[in-house]
C-alpha atoms as a PDB file:
ATOM      1  CA  MET A   1     -19.013  25.737   7.033  1.00  0.00           C
ATOM      2  CA  ARG A   2     -18.751  21.963   7.304  1.00  0.00           C
ATOM      3  CA  ASN A   3     -15.393  20.185   6.241  1.00  0.00           C
ATOM      4  CA  PRO A   4     -16.916  17.808   4.066  1.00  0.00           C
ATOM      5  CA  PHE A   5     -14.189  15.119   5.147  1.00  0.00           C
ATOM      6  CA  TRP A   6     -15.262  15.657   8.835  1.00  0.00           C
ATOM      7  CA  HIS A   7     -17.213  12.301  10.179  1.00  0.00           C
ATOM      8  CA  SER A   8     -19.308  12.697  13.744  1.00  0.00           C
ATOM      9  CA  GLY A   9     -18.008   9.939  16.197  1.00  0.00           C
ATOM     10  CA  ARG A  10     -19.650   6.724  15.129  1.00  0.00           C
ATOM     11  CA  GLU A  11     -18.875   6.894  11.475  1.00  0.00           C
ATOM     12  CA  ARG A  12     -15.187   8.212  12.411  1.00  0.00           C
ATOM     13  CA  LYS A  13     -15.205   4.673  14.360  1.00  0.00           C
ATOM     14  CA  ARG A  14     -16.785   2.996  12.008  1.00  0.00           C
ATOM     15  CA  ILE A  15     -14.087   4.426   9.197  1.00  0.00           C
ATOM     16  CA  GLU A  16     -11.258   3.930  11.186  1.00  0.00           C
ATOM     17  CA  ASP A  17     -12.583   0.185  11.904  1.00  0.00           C
ATOM     18  CA  ILE A  18     -12.551  -0.704   8.701  1.00  0.00           C
ATOM     19  CA  TYR A  19      -9.005   0.875   7.798  1.00  0.00           C
ATOM     20  CA  HIS A  20      -7.764  -1.386  10.833  1.00  0.00           C
ATOM     21  CA  LYS A  21      -9.674  -4.445   9.059  1.00  0.00           C
ATOM     22  CA  THR A  22      -8.503  -3.661   5.458  1.00  0.00           C
ATOM     23  CA  ALA A  23      -4.708  -3.246   7.166  1.00  0.00           C
ATOM     24  CA  ASN A  24      -5.011  -6.678   8.796  1.00  0.00           C
ATOM     25  CA  HIS A  25      -5.705  -8.334   5.893  1.00  0.00           C
ATOM     26  CA  ILE A  26      -3.456  -6.775   3.813  1.00  0.00           C
ATOM     27  CA  VAL A  27      -0.389  -8.083   6.804  1.00  0.00           C
ATOM     28  CA  LYS A  28      -2.209 -11.333   6.756  1.00  0.00           C
ATOM     29  CA  ALA A  29      -2.503 -11.643   3.077  1.00  0.00           C
ATOM     30  CA  ALA A  30       1.426 -10.872   2.761  1.00  0.00           C
ATOM     31  CA  LYS A  31       3.165 -13.049   5.989  1.00  0.00           C
ATOM     32  CA  GLU A  32       1.118 -15.357   3.448  1.00  0.00           C
ATOM     33  CA  THR A  33       2.823 -14.798   0.755  1.00  0.00           C
ATOM     34  CA  GLU A  34       6.294 -15.157   2.591  1.00  0.00           C
ATOM     35  CA  TYR A  35       5.797 -18.001   4.159  1.00  0.00           C
ATOM     36  CA  LYS A  36       4.827 -19.967   0.510  1.00  0.00           C
ATOM     37  CA  ALA A  37       7.666 -18.310  -0.775  1.00  0.00           C
ATOM     38  CA  ARG A  38       9.867 -19.362   1.401  1.00  0.00           C
ATOM     39  CA  LEU A  39       8.451 -22.731   1.174  1.00  0.00           C
ATOM     40  CA  SER A  40       8.776 -23.011  -2.238  1.00  0.00           C
ATOM     41  CA  GLY A  41      12.221 -21.927  -1.501  1.00  0.00           C
ATOM     42  CA  LEU A  42      12.396 -18.399  -2.849  1.00  0.00           C
ATOM     43  CA  MET A  43      14.327 -16.070  -1.144  1.00  0.00           C
ATOM     44  CA  VAL A  44      12.268 -13.012   0.514  1.00  0.00           C
ATOM     45  CA  ALA A  45      13.803  -9.553   0.592  1.00  0.00           C
ATOM     46  CA  TYR A  46      12.320  -6.617   2.344  1.00  0.00           C
ATOM     47  CA  LEU A  47      12.895  -3.237   1.081  1.00  0.00           C
ATOM     48  CA  ASN A  48      12.996   0.588   2.201  1.00  0.00           C
ATOM     49  CA  ALA A  49       9.818   1.844   1.147  1.00  0.00           C
ATOM     50  CA  LYS A  50      10.985   5.334   0.946  1.00  0.00           C
ATOM     51  CA  ASN A  51      10.532   6.957  -2.538  1.00  0.00           C
ATOM     52  CA  THR A  52       9.131   3.568  -4.426  1.00  0.00           C
ATOM     53  CA  SER A  53       6.169   5.369  -5.420  1.00  0.00           C
ATOM     54  CA  SER A  54       7.912   8.235  -7.061  1.00  0.00           C
ATOM     55  CA  LEU A  55      10.271   5.561  -9.171  1.00  0.00           C
ATOM     56  CA  CYS A  56       9.083   3.836 -11.931  1.00  0.00           C
ATOM     57  CA  PRO A  57       8.645  -0.280 -11.630  1.00  0.00           C
ATOM     58  CA  ILE A  58      10.313  -1.091 -14.832  1.00  0.00           C
ATOM     59  CA  SER A  59      13.525   1.495 -15.081  1.00  0.00           C
ATOM     60  CA  GLY A  60      14.077   2.366 -11.917  1.00  0.00           C
ATOM     61  CA  GLU A  61      13.892   6.398 -12.689  1.00  0.00           C
ATOM     62  CA  LYS A  62      11.940   9.401 -11.085  1.00  0.00           C
ATOM     63  CA  ILE A  63       8.858   9.816 -12.232  1.00  0.00           C
ATOM     64  CA  SER A  64       7.927  13.762 -12.430  1.00  0.00           C
ATOM     65  CA  PRO A  65       5.369  15.165 -10.452  1.00  0.00           C
ATOM     66  CA  ASN A  66       3.574  16.298 -13.285  1.00  0.00           C
ATOM     67  CA  GLU A  67       3.459  12.773 -15.153  1.00  0.00           C
ATOM     68  CA  TYR A  68       0.550  10.429 -14.063  1.00  0.00           C
ATOM     69  CA  ARG A  69       1.805   6.997 -12.307  1.00  0.00           C
ATOM     70  CA  ARG A  70       0.397   4.479 -14.804  1.00  0.00           C
ATOM     71  CA  ILE A  71       3.164   2.332 -17.263  1.00  0.00           C
ATOM     72  CA  GLU A  72       1.928   3.370 -20.665  1.00  0.00           C
ATOM     73  CA  THR A  73       2.401   0.396 -23.241  1.00  0.00           C
END
């Protein structure tokens, strides 16, 4: 049985190219944002990304694995 996530060589290269271009756009946007922040006199601090997706952005508490990762308002 064929794995549904397996792609042929041409498809895989196209997908990798899309991922690469997307990553480059994200990095470029981050650099531009940092530049504009510093130009405006704001401090820029880099954080360790470890466990950031499992922490609540408001309270900082750890989200249990069974909860949806969205903010209820």
